[in-house]
Amino acid sequence: MKKLLAFLATCAMAVPASTQPAYDWQISNVHITAIEATYMPTAVLFTVDTNAGACGAGTWLKWNGIDADQATAQANNKAIYALLLASKLSGSTVRMFGSNAGCLVKFIYSA
């Protein structure tokens, strides 16, 4: 039994970080309360009406464009900005996953 536990522990440590979740928290049925457009198209900052992990309600959450090249990352930011703006204006909710470090949002879905 001890050998099995040691083997499983070794396997768990050998799993690359990229296969582990890239987020610390998840929240659902969240309303967008403010959107900061100043940093567009490099990043999108916004606030929500509930706590997002260690990031309290009203704390600026940050979305950084996802992709290897700058043009695609900026296009991604524009799409997320549009999703956030549509959600805020319509009063609909979103679901998101993020990281406590820097209050970074990793995944966002229109609910």
PDB file of N, CA and C in Angstrom:
ATOM      1  N   MET A   1       0.812  -1.189   0.000  1.00  0.00           N
ATOM      2  CA  MET A   1       0.000   0.000   0.000  1.00  0.00           C
ATOM      3  C   MET A   1       0.864   1.264   0.000  1.00  0.00           C
ATOM      4  N   LYS A   2       1.942   1.263   0.780  1.00  0.00           N
ATOM      5  CA  LYS A   2       2.819   2.427   0.827  1.00  0.00           C
ATOM      6  C   LYS A   2       3.465   2.674  -0.528  1.00  0.00           C
ATOM      7  N   LYS A   3       3.803   1.591  -1.236  1.00  0.00           N
ATOM      8  CA  LYS A   3       4.414   1.741  -2.559  1.00  0.00           C
ATOM      9  C   LYS A   3       3.419   2.359  -3.540  1.00  0.00           C
ATOM     10  N   LEU A   4       2.163   1.950  -3.438  1.00  0.00           N
ATOM     11  CA  LEU A   4       1.125   2.502  -4.310  1.00  0.00           C
ATOM     12  C   LEU A   4       0.939   3.995  -4.047  1.00  0.00           C
ATOM     13  N   LEU A   5       0.867   4.384  -2.779  1.00  0.00           N
ATOM     14  CA  LEU A   5       0.711   5.789  -2.438  1.00  0.00           C
ATOM     15  C   LEU A   5       1.913   6.614  -2.907  1.00  0.00           C
ATOM     16  N   ALA A   6       3.111   6.060  -2.750  1.00  0.00           N
ATOM     17  CA  ALA A   6       4.308   6.765  -3.208  1.00  0.00           C
ATOM     18  C   ALA A   6       4.276   6.925  -4.723  1.00  0.00           C
ATOM     19  N   PHE A   7       3.850   5.888  -5.423  1.00  0.00           N
ATOM     20  CA  PHE A   7       3.757   5.949  -6.882  1.00  0.00           C
ATOM     21  C   PHE A   7       2.743   7.006  -7.317  1.00  0.00           C
ATOM     22  N   LEU A   8       1.577   7.027  -6.680  1.00  0.00           N
ATOM     23  CA  LEU A   8       0.549   8.013  -7.034  1.00  0.00           C
ATOM     24  C   LEU A   8       1.012   9.437  -6.734  1.00  0.00           C
ATOM     25  N   ALA A   9       1.710   9.624  -5.633  1.00  0.00           N
ATOM     26  CA  ALA A   9       2.227  10.955  -5.306  1.00  0.00           C
ATOM     27  C   ALA A   9       3.247  11.403  -6.331  1.00  0.00           C
ATOM     28  N   THR A  10       4.110  10.480  -6.770  1.00  0.00           N
ATOM     29  CA  THR A  10       5.109  10.799  -7.790  1.00  0.00           C
ATOM     30  C   THR A  10       4.425  11.173  -9.103  1.00  0.00           C
ATOM     31  N   CYS A  11       3.400  10.425  -9.473  1.00  0.00           N
ATOM     32  CA  CYS A  11       2.669  10.723 -10.711  1.00  0.00           C
ATOM     33  C   CYS A  11       2.005  12.092 -10.632  1.00  0.00           C
ATOM     34  N   ALA A  12       1.435  12.418  -9.490  1.00  0.00           N
ATOM     35  CA  ALA A  12       0.763  13.711  -9.338  1.00  0.00           C
ATOM     36  C   ALA A  12       1.745  14.855  -9.473  1.00  0.00           C
ATOM     37  N   MET A  13       2.953  14.694  -8.956  1.00  0.00           N
ATOM     38  CA  MET A  13       3.954  15.749  -9.061  1.00  0.00           C
ATOM     39  C   MET A  13       4.501  15.862 -10.476  1.00  0.00           C
ATOM     40  N   ALA A  14       4.404  14.788 -11.248  1.00  0.00           N
ATOM     41  CA  ALA A  14       4.939  14.789 -12.600  1.00  0.00           C
ATOM     42  C   ALA A  14       3.978  15.401 -13.612  1.00  0.00           C
ATOM     43  N   VAL A  15       2.735  15.639 -13.213  1.00  0.00           N
ATOM     44  CA  VAL A  15       1.755  16.223 -14.126  1.00  0.00           C
ATOM     45  C   VAL A  15       2.160  17.661 -14.424  1.00  0.00           C
ATOM     46  N   PRO A  16       2.312  18.009 -15.694  1.00  0.00           N
ATOM     47  CA  PRO A  16       2.692  19.386 -16.036  1.00  0.00           C
ATOM     48  C   PRO A  16       1.668  20.388 -15.529  1.00  0.00           C
ATOM     49  N   ALA A  17       2.144  21.573 -15.156  1.00  0.00           N
ATOM     50  CA  ALA A  17       1.251  22.618 -14.649  1.00  0.00           C
ATOM     51  C   ALA A  17       0.199  23.006 -15.675  1.00  0.00           C
ATOM     52  N   SER A  18       0.514  22.885 -16.967  1.00  0.00           N
ATOM     53  CA  SER A  18      -0.423  23.286 -18.014  1.00  0.00           C
ATOM     54  C   SER A  18      -1.670  22.418 -18.057  1.00  0.00           C
ATOM     55  N   THR A  19      -1.610  21.201 -17.463  1.00  0.00           N
ATOM     56  CA  THR A  19      -2.790  20.349 -17.458  1.00  0.00           C
ATOM     57  C   THR A  19      -3.635  20.561 -16.218  1.00  0.00           C
ATOM     58  N   GLN A  20      -3.155  21.354 -15.288  1.00  0.00           N
ATOM     59  CA  GLN A  20      -3.918  21.651 -14.091  1.00  0.00           C
ATOM     60  C   GLN A  20      -4.729  22.925 -14.337  1.00  0.00           C
ATOM     61  N   PRO A  21      -5.831  23.107 -13.606  1.00  0.00           N
ATOM     62  CA  PRO A  21      -6.666  24.288 -13.827  1.00  0.00           C
ATOM     63  C   PRO A  21      -5.872  25.584 -13.727  1.00  0.00           C
ATOM     64  N   ALA A  22      -6.195  26.522 -14.597  1.00  0.00           N
ATOM     65  CA  ALA A  22      -5.506  27.811 -14.637  1.00  0.00           C
ATOM     66  C   ALA A  22      -6.305  28.856 -13.878  1.00  0.00           C
ATOM     67  N   TYR A  23      -7.090  28.415 -12.896  1.00  0.00           N
ATOM     68  CA  TYR A  23      -7.917  29.361 -12.177  1.00  0.00           C
ATOM     69  C   TYR A  23      -8.041  28.946 -10.713  1.00  0.00           C
ATOM     70  N   ASP A  24      -8.327  29.943  -9.855  1.00  0.00           N
ATOM     71  CA  ASP A  24      -8.516  29.718  -8.421  1.00  0.00           C
ATOM     72  C   ASP A  24      -9.985  29.771  -8.018  1.00  0.00           C
ATOM     73  N   TRP A  25     -10.789  30.471  -8.801  1.00  0.00           N
ATOM     74  CA  TRP A  25     -12.181  30.671  -8.437  1.00  0.00           C
ATOM     75  C   TRP A  25     -13.083  30.609  -9.658  1.00  0.00           C
ATOM     76  N   GLN A  26     -14.356  30.398  -9.365  1.00  0.00           N
ATOM     77  CA  GLN A  26     -15.390  30.448 -10.405  1.00  0.00           C
ATOM     78  C   GLN A  26     -16.631  31.081  -9.792  1.00  0.00           C
ATOM     79  N   ILE A  27     -17.285  31.930 -10.562  1.00  0.00           N
ATOM     80  CA  ILE A  27     -18.519  32.566 -10.108  1.00  0.00           C
ATOM     81  C   ILE A  27     -19.545  32.504 -11.236  1.00  0.00           C
ATOM     82  N   SER A  28     -20.790  32.405 -10.855  1.00  0.00           N
ATOM     83  CA  SER A  28     -21.891  32.306 -11.822  1.00  0.00           C
ATOM     84  C   SER A  28     -22.951  33.351 -11.518  1.00  0.00           C
ATOM     85  N   ASN A  29     -23.787  33.629 -12.507  1.00  0.00           N
ATOM     86  CA  ASN A  29     -24.900  34.572 -12.360  1.00  0.00           C
ATOM     87  C   ASN A  29     -24.413  35.931 -11.849  1.00  0.00           C
ATOM     88  N   VAL A  30     -23.354  36.431 -12.453  1.00  0.00           N
ATOM     89  CA  VAL A  30     -22.709  37.672 -12.051  1.00  0.00           C
ATOM     90  C   VAL A  30     -23.121  38.795 -12.996  1.00  0.00           C
ATOM     91  N   HIS A  31     -23.400  39.955 -12.445  1.00  0.00           N
ATOM     92  CA  HIS A  31     -23.710  41.135 -13.256  1.00  0.00           C
ATOM     93  C   HIS A  31     -22.470  42.005 -13.397  1.00  0.00           C
ATOM     94  N   ILE A  32     -22.258  42.528 -14.578  1.00  0.00           N
ATOM     95  CA  ILE A  32     -21.173  43.472 -14.836  1.00  0.00           C
ATOM     96  C   ILE A  32     -21.639  44.837 -14.321  1.00  0.00           C
ATOM     97  N   THR A  33     -20.817  45.493 -13.490  1.00  0.00           N
ATOM     98  CA  THR A  33     -21.232  46.776 -12.924  1.00  0.00           C
ATOM     99  C   THR A  33     -20.492  47.960 -13.532  1.00  0.00           C
ATOM    100  N   ALA A  34     -19.284  47.748 -14.061  1.00  0.00           N
ATOM    101  CA  ALA A  34     -18.528  48.832 -14.709  1.00  0.00           C
ATOM    102  C   ALA A  34     -17.510  48.219 -15.661  1.00  0.00           C
ATOM    103  N   ILE A  35     -17.191  48.967 -16.716  1.00  0.00           N
ATOM    104  CA  ILE A  35     -16.185  48.520 -17.686  1.00  0.00           C
ATOM    105  C   ILE A  35     -15.221  49.677 -17.917  1.00  0.00           C
ATOM    106  N   GLU A  36     -13.936  49.399 -17.838  1.00  0.00           N
ATOM    107  CA  GLU A  36     -12.883  50.404 -18.050  1.00  0.00           C
ATOM    108  C   GLU A  36     -12.333  50.216 -19.458  1.00  0.00           C
ATOM    109  N   ALA A  37     -12.508  51.197 -20.314  1.00  0.00           N
ATOM    110  CA  ALA A  37     -12.084  51.092 -21.713  1.00  0.00           C
ATOM    111  C   ALA A  37     -10.724  51.720 -21.982  1.00  0.00           C
ATOM    112  N   THR A  38     -10.132  52.360 -20.990  1.00  0.00           N
ATOM    113  CA  THR A  38      -8.889  53.102 -21.182  1.00  0.00           C
ATOM    114  C   THR A  38      -7.759  52.250 -21.736  1.00  0.00           C
ATOM    115  N   TYR A  39      -7.681  50.992 -21.332  1.00  0.00           N
ATOM    116  CA  TYR A  39      -6.551  50.140 -21.710  1.00  0.00           C
ATOM    117  C   TYR A  39      -6.793  49.335 -22.982  1.00  0.00           C
ATOM    118  N   MET A  40      -7.931  49.537 -23.604  1.00  0.00           N
ATOM    119  CA  MET A  40      -8.238  48.825 -24.855  1.00  0.00           C
ATOM    120  C   MET A  40      -7.298  49.306 -25.952  1.00  0.00           C
ATOM    121  N   PRO A  41      -6.875  48.464 -26.859  1.00  0.00           N
ATOM    122  CA  PRO A  41      -7.231  47.054 -26.988  1.00  0.00           C
ATOM    123  C   PRO A  41      -6.253  46.107 -26.295  1.00  0.00           C
ATOM    124  N   THR A  42      -5.394  46.630 -25.405  1.00  0.00           N
ATOM    125  CA  THR A  42      -4.405  45.785 -24.735  1.00  0.00           C
ATOM    126  C   THR A  42      -5.018  44.920 -23.642  1.00  0.00           C
ATOM    127  N   ALA A  43      -5.986  45.450 -22.916  1.00  0.00           N
ATOM    128  CA  ALA A  43      -6.624  44.723 -21.823  1.00  0.00           C
ATOM    129  C   ALA A  43      -8.002  45.314 -21.559  1.00  0.00           C
ATOM    130  N   VAL A  44      -8.843  44.538 -20.882  1.00  0.00           N
ATOM    131  CA  VAL A  44     -10.177  45.003 -20.490  1.00  0.00           C
ATOM    132  C   VAL A  44     -10.277  44.865 -18.973  1.00  0.00           C
ATOM    133  N   LEU A  45     -10.602  45.949 -18.299  1.00  0.00           N
ATOM    134  CA  LEU A  45     -10.835  45.920 -16.865  1.00  0.00           C
ATOM    135  C   LEU A  45     -12.321  46.133 -16.622  1.00  0.00           C
ATOM    136  N   PHE A  46     -12.867  45.415 -15.634  1.00  0.00           N
ATOM    137  CA  PHE A  46     -14.285  45.532 -15.334  1.00  0.00           C
ATOM    138  C   PHE A  46     -14.556  45.107 -13.904  1.00  0.00           C
ATOM    139  N   THR A  47     -15.723  45.477 -13.393  1.00  0.00           N
ATOM    140  CA  THR A  47     -16.127  45.083 -12.050  1.00  0.00           C
ATOM    141  C   THR A  47     -17.425  44.290 -12.120  1.00  0.00           C
ATOM    142  N   VAL A  48     -17.628  43.488 -11.073  1.00  0.00           N
ATOM    143  CA  VAL A  48     -18.839  42.673 -10.975  1.00  0.00           C
ATOM    144  C   VAL A  48     -19.475  42.887  -9.607  1.00  0.00           C
ATOM    145  N   ASP A  49     -20.692  42.383  -9.453  1.00  0.00           N
ATOM    146  CA  ASP A  49     -21.470  42.628  -8.234  1.00  0.00           C
ATOM    147  C   ASP A  49     -21.284  41.589  -7.135  1.00  0.00           C
ATOM    148  N   THR A  50     -20.289  40.744  -7.242  1.00  0.00           N
ATOM    149  CA  THR A  50     -20.052  39.722  -6.224  1.00  0.00           C
ATOM    150  C   THR A  50     -18.554  39.492  -6.075  1.00  0.00           C
ATOM    151  N   ASN A  51     -18.166  38.831  -4.997  1.00  0.00           N
ATOM    152  CA  ASN A  51     -16.757  38.493  -4.805  1.00  0.00           C
ATOM    153  C   ASN A  51     -16.312  37.490  -5.856  1.00  0.00           C
ATOM    154  N   ALA A  52     -15.089  37.659  -6.323  1.00  0.00           N
ATOM    155  CA  ALA A  52     -14.477  36.727  -7.272  1.00  0.00           C
ATOM    156  C   ALA A  52     -13.217  36.186  -6.590  1.00  0.00           C
ATOM    157  N   GLY A  53     -13.372  35.126  -5.835  1.00  0.00           N
ATOM    158  CA  GLY A  53     -12.264  34.621  -5.052  1.00  0.00           C
ATOM    159  C   GLY A  53     -11.838  35.659  -4.031  1.00  0.00           C
ATOM    160  N   ALA A  54     -10.536  35.959  -3.988  1.00  0.00           N
ATOM    161  CA  ALA A  54     -10.003  36.964  -3.061  1.00  0.00           C
ATOM    162  C   ALA A  54     -10.263  38.386  -3.545  1.00  0.00           C
ATOM    163  N   CYS A  55     -10.782  38.529  -4.735  1.00  0.00           N
ATOM    164  CA  CYS A  55     -11.069  39.841  -5.317  1.00  0.00           C
ATOM    165  C   CYS A  55     -12.510  40.212  -4.963  1.00  0.00           C
ATOM    166  N   GLY A  56     -12.668  41.179  -4.093  1.00  0.00           N
ATOM    167  CA  GLY A  56     -13.989  41.545  -3.601  1.00  0.00           C
ATOM    168  C   GLY A  56     -14.877  42.152  -4.676  1.00  0.00           C
ATOM    169  N   ALA A  57     -16.162  42.159  -4.405  1.00  0.00           N
ATOM    170  CA  ALA A  57     -17.119  42.802  -5.311  1.00  0.00           C
ATOM    171  C   ALA A  57     -16.691  44.244  -5.525  1.00  0.00           C
ATOM    172  N   GLY A  58     -16.697  44.694  -6.764  1.00  0.00           N
ATOM    173  CA  GLY A  58     -16.286  46.054  -7.091  1.00  0.00           C
ATOM    174  C   GLY A  58     -14.798  46.205  -7.371  1.00  0.00           C
ATOM    175  N   THR A  59     -14.022  45.162  -7.124  1.00  0.00           N
ATOM    176  CA  THR A  59     -12.585  45.190  -7.451  1.00  0.00           C
ATOM    177  C   THR A  59     -12.430  45.085  -8.962  1.00  0.00           C
ATOM    178  N   TRP A  60     -11.468  45.805  -9.512  1.00  0.00           N
ATOM    179  CA  TRP A  60     -11.237  45.723 -10.954  1.00  0.00           C
ATOM    180  C   TRP A  60     -10.671  44.349 -11.311  1.00  0.00           C
ATOM    181  N   LEU A  61     -11.410  43.631 -12.138  1.00  0.00           N
ATOM    182  CA  LEU A  61     -10.951  42.352 -12.699  1.00  0.00           C
ATOM    183  C   LEU A  61     -10.327  42.656 -14.043  1.00  0.00           C
ATOM    184  N   LYS A  62      -9.370  41.847 -14.446  1.00  0.00           N
ATOM    185  CA  LYS A  62      -8.651  42.131 -15.696  1.00  0.00           C
ATOM    186  C   LYS A  62      -8.725  40.944 -16.649  1.00  0.00           C
ATOM    187  N   TRP A  63      -9.043  41.255 -17.897  1.00  0.00           N
ATOM    188  CA  TRP A  63      -8.991  40.284 -18.987  1.00  0.00           C
ATOM    189  C   TRP A  63      -7.846  40.696 -19.899  1.00  0.00           C
ATOM    190  N   ASN A  64      -6.871  39.802 -20.065  1.00  0.00           N
ATOM    191  CA  ASN A  64      -5.780  40.013 -21.017  1.00  0.00           C
ATOM    192  C   ASN A  64      -6.078  39.175 -22.243  1.00  0.00           C
ATOM    193  N   GLY A  65      -5.925  39.738 -23.405  1.00  0.00           N
ATOM    194  CA  GLY A  65      -6.203  39.012 -24.637  1.00  0.00           C
ATOM    195  C   GLY A  65      -5.497  37.674 -24.686  1.00  0.00           C
ATOM    196  N   ILE A  66      -6.172  36.699 -25.248  1.00  0.00           N
ATOM    197  CA  ILE A  66      -5.622  35.355 -25.325  1.00  0.00           C
ATOM    198  C   ILE A  66      -5.155  35.072 -26.745  1.00  0.00           C
ATOM    199  N   ASP A  67      -3.882  34.906 -26.927  1.00  0.00           N
ATOM    200  CA  ASP A  67      -3.268  34.398 -28.152  1.00  0.00           C
ATOM    201  C   ASP A  67      -1.792  34.736 -28.143  1.00  0.00           C
ATOM    202  N   ALA A  68      -1.080  34.105 -29.037  1.00  0.00           N
ATOM    203  CA  ALA A  68       0.370  34.286 -29.083  1.00  0.00           C
ATOM    204  C   ALA A  68       0.775  35.600 -29.737  1.00  0.00           C
ATOM    205  N   ASP A  69       0.008  36.054 -30.716  1.00  0.00           N
ATOM    206  CA  ASP A  69       0.411  37.290 -31.390  1.00  0.00           C
ATOM    207  C   ASP A  69      -0.487  38.450 -30.958  1.00  0.00           C
ATOM    208  N   GLN A  70       0.048  39.643 -31.035  1.00  0.00           N
ATOM    209  CA  GLN A  70      -0.611  40.838 -30.524  1.00  0.00           C
ATOM    210  C   GLN A  70      -1.923  41.153 -31.240  1.00  0.00           C
ATOM    211  N   ALA A  71      -1.946  41.014 -32.547  1.00  0.00           N
ATOM    212  CA  ALA A  71      -3.162  41.342 -33.300  1.00  0.00           C
ATOM    213  C   ALA A  71      -4.336  40.451 -32.890  1.00  0.00           C
ATOM    214  N   THR A  72      -4.087  39.165 -32.719  1.00  0.00           N
ATOM    215  CA  THR A  72      -5.159  38.247 -32.335  1.00  0.00           C
ATOM    216  C   THR A  72      -5.583  38.480 -30.892  1.00  0.00           C
ATOM    217  N   ALA A  73      -4.624  38.772 -30.012  1.00  0.00           N
ATOM    218  CA  ALA A  73      -4.945  39.073 -28.621  1.00  0.00           C
ATOM    219  C   ALA A  73      -5.816  40.332 -28.535  1.00  0.00           C
ATOM    220  N   GLN A  74      -5.505  41.337 -29.336  1.00  0.00           N
ATOM    221  CA  GLN A  74      -6.308  42.561 -29.345  1.00  0.00           C
ATOM    222  C   GLN A  74      -7.705  42.298 -29.888  1.00  0.00           C
ATOM    223  N   ALA A  75      -7.812  41.457 -30.898  1.00  0.00           N
ATOM    224  CA  ALA A  75      -9.136  41.090 -31.418  1.00  0.00           C
ATOM    225  C   ALA A  75      -9.937  40.347 -30.349  1.00  0.00           C
ATOM    226  N   ASN A  76      -9.269  39.498 -29.577  1.00  0.00           N
ATOM    227  CA  ASN A  76      -9.920  38.790 -28.488  1.00  0.00           C
ATOM    228  C   ASN A  76     -10.429  39.783 -27.445  1.00  0.00           C
ATOM    229  N   ASN A  77      -9.617  40.784 -27.104  1.00  0.00           N
ATOM    230  CA  ASN A  77     -10.041  41.800 -26.139  1.00  0.00           C
ATOM    231  C   ASN A  77     -11.277  42.549 -26.631  1.00  0.00           C
ATOM    232  N   LYS A  78     -11.314  42.857 -27.908  1.00  0.00           N
ATOM    233  CA  LYS A  78     -12.476  43.557 -28.470  1.00  0.00           C
ATOM    234  C   LYS A  78     -13.735  42.700 -28.358  1.00  0.00           C
ATOM    235  N   ALA A  79     -13.598  41.397 -28.581  1.00  0.00           N
ATOM    236  CA  ALA A  79     -14.747  40.492 -28.471  1.00  0.00           C
ATOM    237  C   ALA A  79     -15.232  40.409 -27.022  1.00  0.00           C
ATOM    238  N   ILE A  80     -14.303  40.323 -26.075  1.00  0.00           N
ATOM    239  CA  ILE A  80     -14.684  40.260 -24.661  1.00  0.00           C
ATOM    240  C   ILE A  80     -15.307  41.576 -24.222  1.00  0.00           C
ATOM    241  N   TYR A  81     -14.755  42.691 -24.692  1.00  0.00           N
ATOM    242  CA  TYR A  81     -15.335  44.002 -24.381  1.00  0.00           C
ATOM    243  C   TYR A  81     -16.790  44.046 -24.864  1.00  0.00           C
ATOM    244  N   ALA A  82     -17.031  43.565 -26.071  1.00  0.00           N
ATOM    245  CA  ALA A  82     -18.392  43.551 -26.622  1.00  0.00           C
ATOM    246  C   ALA A  82     -19.309  42.663 -25.779  1.00  0.00           C
ATOM    247  N   LEU A  83     -18.820  41.506 -25.348  1.00  0.00           N
ATOM    248  CA  LEU A  83     -19.614  40.611 -24.513  1.00  0.00           C
ATOM    249  C   LEU A  83     -19.956  41.287 -23.182  1.00  0.00           C
ATOM    250  N   LEU A  84     -18.966  41.924 -22.558  1.00  0.00           N
ATOM    251  CA  LEU A  84     -19.198  42.595 -21.281  1.00  0.00           C
ATOM    252  C   LEU A  84     -20.175  43.758 -21.425  1.00  0.00           C
ATOM    253  N   LEU A  85     -20.007  44.551 -22.477  1.00  0.00           N
ATOM    254  CA  LEU A  85     -20.888  45.690 -22.704  1.00  0.00           C
ATOM    255  C   LEU A  85     -22.323  45.228 -22.958  1.00  0.00           C
ATOM    256  N   ALA A  86     -22.485  44.202 -23.778  1.00  0.00           N
ATOM    257  CA  ALA A  86     -23.827  43.672 -24.050  1.00  0.00           C
ATOM    258  C   ALA A  86     -24.467  43.136 -22.776  1.00  0.00           C
ATOM    259  N   SER A  87     -23.681  42.463 -21.960  1.00  0.00           N
ATOM    260  CA  SER A  87     -24.195  41.926 -20.701  1.00  0.00           C
ATOM    261  C   SER A  87     -24.608  43.051 -19.754  1.00  0.00           C
ATOM    262  N   LYS A  88     -23.773  44.083 -19.659  1.00  0.00           N
ATOM    263  CA  LYS A  88     -24.094  45.212 -18.772  1.00  0.00           C
ATOM    264  C   LYS A  88     -25.360  45.926 -19.232  1.00  0.00           C
ATOM    265  N   LEU A  89     -25.441  46.219 -20.530  1.00  0.00           N
ATOM    266  CA  LEU A  89     -26.588  46.966 -21.051  1.00  0.00           C
ATOM    267  C   LEU A  89     -27.893  46.183 -20.976  1.00  0.00           C
ATOM    268  N   SER A  90     -27.804  44.867 -21.156  1.00  0.00           N
ATOM    269  CA  SER A  90     -29.015  44.047 -21.132  1.00  0.00           C
ATOM    270  C   SER A  90     -29.385  43.571 -19.736  1.00  0.00           C
ATOM    271  N   GLY A  91     -28.439  43.675 -18.797  1.00  0.00           N
ATOM    272  CA  GLY A  91     -28.698  43.183 -17.445  1.00  0.00           C
ATOM    273  C   GLY A  91     -28.552  41.678 -17.319  1.00  0.00           C
ATOM    274  N   SER A  92     -28.048  41.025 -18.369  1.00  0.00           N
ATOM    275  CA  SER A  92     -27.857  39.577 -18.291  1.00  0.00           C
ATOM    276  C   SER A  92     -26.613  39.268 -17.461  1.00  0.00           C
ATOM    277  N   THR A  93     -26.448  38.016 -17.129  1.00  0.00           N
ATOM    278  CA  THR A  93     -25.347  37.615 -16.262  1.00  0.00           C
ATOM    279  C   THR A  93     -24.270  36.880 -17.046  1.00  0.00           C
ATOM    280  N   VAL A  94     -23.110  36.748 -16.407  1.00  0.00           N
ATOM    281  CA  VAL A  94     -21.999  35.994 -16.975  1.00  0.00           C
ATOM    282  C   VAL A  94     -21.506  34.984 -15.946  1.00  0.00           C
ATOM    283  N   ARG A  95     -20.738  34.043 -16.423  1.00  0.00           N
ATOM    284  CA  ARG A  95     -20.058  33.061 -15.577  1.00  0.00           C
ATOM    285  C   ARG A  95     -18.582  33.193 -15.897  1.00  0.00           C
ATOM    286  N   MET A  96     -17.733  33.173 -14.880  1.00  0.00           N
ATOM    287  CA  MET A  96     -16.306  33.323 -15.147  1.00  0.00           C
ATOM    288  C   MET A  96     -15.452  32.544 -14.181  1.00  0.00           C
ATOM    289  N   PHE A  97     -14.227  32.296 -14.625  1.00  0.00           N
ATOM    290  CA  PHE A  97     -13.214  31.607 -13.856  1.00  0.00           C
ATOM    291  C   PHE A  97     -11.993  32.520 -13.835  1.00  0.00           C
ATOM    292  N   GLY A  98     -11.293  32.580 -12.700  1.00  0.00           N
ATOM    293  CA  GLY A  98     -10.160  33.483 -12.643  1.00  0.00           C
ATOM    294  C   GLY A  98      -9.116  33.107 -11.624  1.00  0.00           C
ATOM    295  N   SER A  99      -8.120  33.958 -11.549  1.00  0.00           N
ATOM    296  CA  SER A  99      -6.977  33.780 -10.664  1.00  0.00           C
ATOM    297  C   SER A  99      -6.952  34.907  -9.637  1.00  0.00           C
ATOM    298  N   ASN A 100      -6.696  34.569  -8.385  1.00  0.00           N
ATOM    299  CA  ASN A 100      -6.597  35.580  -7.329  1.00  0.00           C
ATOM    300  C   ASN A 100      -5.416  36.512  -7.576  1.00  0.00           C
ATOM    301  N   ALA A 101      -4.328  35.988  -8.120  1.00  0.00           N
ATOM    302  CA  ALA A 101      -3.133  36.796  -8.388  1.00  0.00           C
ATOM    303  C   ALA A 101      -3.453  37.800  -9.486  1.00  0.00           C
ATOM    304  N   GLY A 102      -3.537  39.076  -9.127  1.00  0.00           N
ATOM    305  CA  GLY A 102      -3.832  40.117 -10.103  1.00  0.00           C
ATOM    306  C   GLY A 102      -5.291  40.221 -10.501  1.00  0.00           C
ATOM    307  N   CYS A 103      -6.157  39.433  -9.869  1.00  0.00           N
ATOM    308  CA  CYS A 103      -7.593  39.419 -10.204  1.00  0.00           C
ATOM    309  C   CYS A 103      -7.793  39.223 -11.714  1.00  0.00           C
ATOM    310  N   LEU A 104      -7.087  38.254 -12.259  1.00  0.00           N
ATOM    311  CA  LEU A 104      -7.149  37.974 -13.695  1.00  0.00           C
ATOM    312  C   LEU A 104      -8.272  37.004 -14.012  1.00  0.00           C
ATOM    313  N   VAL A 105      -9.066  37.335 -15.008  1.00  0.00           N
ATOM    314  CA  VAL A 105     -10.112  36.442 -15.487  1.00  0.00           C
ATOM    315  C   VAL A 105      -9.506  35.574 -16.583  1.00  0.00           C
ATOM    316  N   LYS A 106      -9.719  34.266 -16.468  1.00  0.00           N
ATOM    317  CA  LYS A 106      -9.147  33.300 -17.407  1.00  0.00           C
ATOM    318  C   LYS A 106     -10.150  32.819 -18.451  1.00  0.00           C
ATOM    319  N   PHE A 107     -11.417  32.657 -18.023  1.00  0.00           N
ATOM    320  CA  PHE A 107     -12.480  32.189 -18.909  1.00  0.00           C
ATOM    321  C   PHE A 107     -13.735  32.975 -18.570  1.00  0.00           C
ATOM    322  N   ILE A 108     -14.507  33.324 -19.580  1.00  0.00           N
ATOM    323  CA  ILE A 108     -15.754  34.049 -19.347  1.00  0.00           C
ATOM    324  C   ILE A 108     -16.819  33.568 -20.329  1.00  0.00           C
ATOM    325  N   TYR A 109     -18.020  33.395 -19.815  1.00  0.00           N
ATOM    326  CA  TYR A 109     -19.127  32.884 -20.613  1.00  0.00           C
ATOM    327  C   TYR A 109     -20.338  33.763 -20.414  1.00  0.00           C
ATOM    328  N   SER A 110     -21.055  34.018 -21.484  1.00  0.00           N
ATOM    329  CA  SER A 110     -22.337  34.694 -21.380  1.00  0.00           C
ATOM    330  C   SER A 110     -23.339  33.694 -20.848  1.00  0.00           C
ATOM    331  N   ALA A 111     -24.056  34.059 -19.810  1.00  0.00           N
ATOM    332  CA  ALA A 111     -24.991  33.106 -19.174  1.00  0.00           C
ATOM    333  C   ALA A 111     -26.337  33.095 -19.848  1.00  0.00           C
TER     334      ALA A 111
END
